[in-house]
């Protein structure tokens, strides 16, 4: 999880800017920068992007698949691996049918 207050503070300090200078560049109030850095408020995506750009940085965000470490589905692996390829396909067909019916409900 991204800590927005640290992200803004790091961008500001790496740019060598005061809160007032960053606020001026981002066309916002110094108090907004201070409240974000104190964790008292969370900016919108647009505000966050504008502040980071004002400090001279680009915000690069990507989705990362979270590994599943403790899932009930993992307990079913041995059973699934013991199935024949045909039985696996039959099971997949049942799951697909379940999903289709669930979406209709």
Protein backbone atom coordinates (compact mmCIF):
# COMPACT_ATOMS: atom_id res chain seq x y z
CA UNK A 1 0.00 0.00 0.00
CA UNK A 2 1.29 3.43 -0.90
CA UNK A 3 1.72 5.90 1.94
CA UNK A 4 0.62 9.12 0.26
CA UNK A 5 1.98 11.41 2.98
CA UNK A 6 5.48 9.93 2.61
CA UNK A 7 5.23 9.99 -1.18
CA UNK A 8 4.42 13.72 -1.23
CA UNK A 9 7.05 14.55 1.38
CA UNK A 10 9.71 12.56 -0.50
CA UNK A 11 8.84 14.20 -3.82
CA UNK A 12 8.97 17.63 -2.20
CA UNK A 13 12.27 17.09 -0.38
CA UNK A 14 13.94 15.43 -3.37
CA UNK A 15 12.92 18.45 -5.43
CA UNK A 16 14.37 20.75 -2.74
CA UNK A 17 11.06 22.54 -2.25
CA UNK A 18 9.32 23.91 0.81
CA UNK A 19 5.65 23.16 1.32
CA UNK A 20 4.87 26.73 0.25
CA UNK A 21 6.93 26.42 -2.95
CA UNK A 22 5.36 23.09 -3.87
CA UNK A 23 1.89 24.42 -3.17
CA UNK A 24 2.54 27.44 -5.40
CA UNK A 25 3.74 25.21 -8.25
CA UNK A 26 0.75 22.86 -7.80
CA UNK A 27 -1.66 25.81 -7.62
CA UNK A 28 -2.95 24.89 -4.20
CA UNK A 29 -2.57 26.15 -0.63
CA UNK A 30 0.40 25.35 1.60
CA UNK A 31 -2.06 24.07 4.18
CA UNK A 32 -3.23 21.40 1.71
CA UNK A 33 0.33 20.10 1.34
CA UNK A 34 0.79 20.18 5.13
CA UNK A 35 -2.45 18.28 5.80
CA UNK A 36 -1.51 15.62 3.24
CA UNK A 37 1.98 15.21 4.70
CA UNK A 38 0.50 14.94 8.21
CA UNK A 39 -1.95 12.27 7.03
CA UNK A 40 -4.92 14.43 7.92
CA UNK A 41 -6.40 14.21 4.44
CA UNK A 42 -6.05 12.07 1.34
CA UNK A 43 -5.90 13.86 -2.00
CA UNK A 44 -7.86 12.81 -5.03
CA UNK A 45 -5.94 11.05 -7.78
CA UNK A 46 -5.94 14.28 -9.81
CA UNK A 47 -4.59 16.34 -6.91
CA UNK A 48 -1.93 13.76 -6.10
CA UNK A 49 -0.79 13.65 -9.71
CA UNK A 50 -0.72 17.46 -9.95
CA UNK A 51 1.38 17.77 -6.77
CA UNK A 52 3.85 15.09 -7.86
CA UNK A 53 4.20 16.70 -11.29
CA UNK A 54 4.73 20.10 -9.64
CA UNK A 55 7.68 18.57 -7.79
CA UNK A 56 9.12 17.43 -11.12
CA UNK A 57 8.17 13.76 -11.00
CA UNK A 58 5.78 11.46 -12.84
CA UNK A 59 3.52 9.14 -10.95
CA UNK A 60 3.92 5.60 -12.26
CA UNK A 61 1.27 3.18 -11.02
CA UNK A 62 0.78 -0.45 -11.97
CA UNK A 63 -1.26 -3.36 -10.74
CA UNK A 64 0.64 -6.23 -9.19
CA UNK A 65 -0.93 -9.62 -8.69
CA UNK A 66 -1.04 -10.38 -4.99
CA UNK A 67 0.13 -13.91 -4.24
CA UNK A 68 -2.47 -16.12 -2.60
CA UNK A 69 -0.88 -17.72 0.42
CA UNK A 70 -3.79 -19.01 2.45
CA UNK A 71 -6.80 -19.82 0.34
CA UNK A 72 -9.34 -22.61 0.63
CA UNK A 73 -8.81 -23.12 -3.09
CA UNK A 74 -5.20 -24.19 -2.52
CA UNK A 75 -6.41 -27.12 -0.43
CA UNK A 76 -8.09 -28.49 -3.55
CA UNK A 77 -4.92 -28.68 -5.65
CA UNK A 78 -4.07 -32.31 -4.87
CA UNK A 79 -7.59 -33.45 -5.76
CA UNK A 80 -7.57 -31.52 -9.03
CA UNK A 81 -4.13 -32.84 -10.00
CA UNK A 82 -5.31 -36.39 -9.40
CA UNK A 83 -8.10 -35.98 -11.99
CA UNK A 84 -7.70 -37.10 -15.56
CA UNK A 85 -7.54 -34.35 -18.19
CA UNK A 86 -11.13 -35.17 -19.20
CA UNK A 87 -12.33 -34.92 -15.60
CA UNK A 88 -10.54 -31.57 -15.22
CA UNK A 89 -12.35 -30.25 -18.28
CA UNK A 90 -15.68 -31.48 -16.89
CA UNK A 91 -14.95 -29.68 -13.62
CA UNK A 92 -14.04 -26.51 -15.50
CA UNK A 93 -17.31 -26.73 -17.45
CA UNK A 94 -19.24 -27.00 -14.17
CA UNK A 95 -17.47 -23.94 -12.76
CA UNK A 96 -18.11 -21.98 -15.96
CA UNK A 97 -21.80 -22.88 -15.85
CA UNK A 98 -21.94 -21.82 -12.20
CA UNK A 99 -20.41 -18.43 -13.05
CA UNK A 100 -22.86 -17.89 -15.92
CA UNK A 101 -25.85 -18.68 -13.68
CA UNK A 102 -24.50 -16.53 -10.85
CA UNK A 103 -24.20 -13.53 -13.19
CA UNK A 104 -27.83 -13.94 -14.25
CA UNK A 105 -29.06 -13.89 -10.67
